[in-house]
Amino acid sequence: MGHTDMRKGMQGLALLVQQGLQRNPHGGDLFVFRGRAGALVKIIWHDGIGMSLYAKRLEKGRFIWPSAKDGMVSLTPAQLACLLEGIDWRNPQHTARPTSAG
């Protein structure tokens, strides 16, 4: 995950993954990028057949973004789902669990 020029398309983002992050953009991982304003994310993913590009812009608020010391942070699928919903994925609120069976 990282901040980037959001004018880039699939090929530009894949090249950024390969050269900037030193990762394989065709390896099956999702790579998520956020614009500087924080309201737009783009995701690229290669499923083994072809590259997909997903973009989402929040109408209100900003995506909660991790601080990446080396330019990249890994998230669990649940954390990514929260991030894409505009929820603070670092501290999601869980419902209370029952303390007894009866």
Protein backbone atom coordinates (compact mmCIF):
# COMPACT_ATOMS: atom_id res chain seq x y z
CA MET A 1 0.00 0.00 0.00
CA GLY A 2 1.26 3.46 -0.72
CA HIS A 3 0.56 7.03 -1.82
CA THR A 4 0.88 7.60 -5.55
CA ASP A 5 -0.02 9.78 -8.49
CA MET A 6 -3.64 8.75 -9.01
CA ARG A 7 -3.52 9.49 -12.75
CA LYS A 8 -1.70 6.18 -13.22
CA GLY A 9 -3.62 3.30 -14.73
CA MET A 10 -3.09 -0.45 -14.49
CA GLN A 11 0.24 -0.55 -16.30
CA GLY A 12 1.68 2.43 -14.41
CA LEU A 13 0.64 1.01 -11.04
CA ALA A 14 1.97 -2.46 -11.95
CA LEU A 15 5.30 -0.87 -12.91
CA LEU A 16 5.33 1.01 -9.60
CA VAL A 17 4.76 -2.28 -7.73
CA GLN A 18 7.57 -3.98 -9.65
CA GLN A 19 10.14 -1.19 -9.59
CA GLY A 20 9.19 0.89 -6.55
CA LEU A 21 8.09 -1.84 -4.15
CA GLN A 22 10.23 -4.66 -5.61
CA ARG A 23 7.21 -6.99 -5.69
CA ASN A 24 5.66 -9.10 -8.44
CA PRO A 25 2.45 -7.37 -9.62
CA HIS A 26 1.33 -10.65 -11.23
CA GLY A 27 1.70 -12.78 -8.08
CA GLY A 28 -1.95 -12.68 -6.96
CA ASP A 29 -1.64 -10.04 -4.21
CA LEU A 30 -3.86 -6.97 -4.09
CA PHE A 31 -1.94 -3.70 -4.23
CA VAL A 32 -3.79 -0.68 -2.87
CA PHE A 33 -2.84 2.94 -3.53
CA ARG A 34 -4.34 6.12 -2.09
CA GLY A 35 -4.25 9.63 -3.47
CA ARG A 36 -2.85 12.45 -1.36
CA ALA A 37 -6.28 13.90 -0.55
CA GLY A 38 -7.27 10.55 0.99
CA ALA A 39 -10.69 10.13 -0.63
CA LEU A 40 -9.63 7.93 -3.60
CA VAL A 41 -8.07 4.47 -3.66
CA LYS A 42 -7.06 2.28 -6.57
CA ILE A 43 -6.42 -1.46 -6.31
CA ILE A 44 -4.67 -3.63 -8.87
CA TRP A 45 -4.81 -7.41 -8.83
CA HIS A 46 -3.67 -10.09 -11.24
CA ASP A 47 -5.72 -13.29 -11.03
CA GLY A 48 -3.41 -15.38 -13.22
CA ILE A 49 -5.40 -14.55 -16.34
CA GLY A 50 -5.37 -10.77 -16.43
CA MET A 51 -4.92 -7.55 -14.47
CA SER A 52 -7.91 -5.86 -12.81
CA LEU A 53 -8.17 -2.26 -11.64
CA TYR A 54 -10.65 -1.16 -8.98
CA ALA A 55 -11.16 2.46 -7.97
CA LYS A 56 -13.29 3.89 -5.16
CA ARG A 57 -13.87 7.50 -4.16
CA LEU A 58 -15.52 8.32 -0.84
CA GLU A 59 -18.18 11.03 -1.07
CA LYS A 60 -17.53 11.98 2.57
CA GLY A 61 -14.54 11.38 4.80
CA ARG A 62 -11.17 9.85 4.03
CA PHE A 63 -9.70 6.39 3.88
CA ILE A 64 -7.81 5.61 7.11
CA TRP A 65 -4.29 4.93 5.87
CA PRO A 66 -1.46 3.05 7.58
CA SER A 67 1.90 4.72 8.06
CA ALA A 68 4.37 2.76 5.96
CA LYS A 69 8.00 3.13 6.94
CA ASP A 70 9.29 1.15 3.95
CA GLY A 71 6.51 2.20 1.55
CA MET A 72 4.43 -0.93 2.09
CA VAL A 73 2.11 -2.39 4.75
CA SER A 74 0.27 -5.71 4.69
CA LEU A 75 -3.38 -5.89 5.78
CA THR A 76 -5.63 -8.86 6.51
CA PRO A 77 -8.72 -9.29 4.31
CA ALA A 78 -10.88 -8.02 7.22
CA GLN A 79 -8.70 -4.93 7.67
CA LEU A 80 -8.85 -4.21 3.94
CA ALA A 81 -12.65 -4.58 3.96
CA CYS A 82 -12.89 -2.04 6.80
CA LEU A 83 -10.50 0.35 5.02
CA LEU A 84 -12.58 0.20 1.81
CA GLU A 85 -15.74 0.99 3.80
CA GLY A 86 -14.12 4.07 5.32
CA ILE A 87 -14.01 2.41 8.77
CA ASP A 88 -10.99 2.85 11.03
CA TRP A 89 -9.50 -0.61 10.43
CA ARG A 90 -6.89 -0.11 13.20
CA ASN A 91 -9.51 -0.28 15.97
CA PRO A 92 -12.81 -1.75 14.75
CA GLN A 93 -15.49 -2.08 17.40
CA HIS A 94 -16.57 -5.65 18.10
CA THR A 95 -19.98 -6.56 19.44
CA ALA A 96 -20.09 -7.87 23.00
CA ARG A 97 -19.77 -11.62 23.37
CA PRO A 98 -22.06 -13.62 25.65
CA THR A 99 -20.50 -14.53 28.98
CA SER A 100 -22.74 -17.55 29.72
CA ALA A 101 -24.75 -20.13 27.81
CA GLY A 102 -27.95 -19.57 29.80
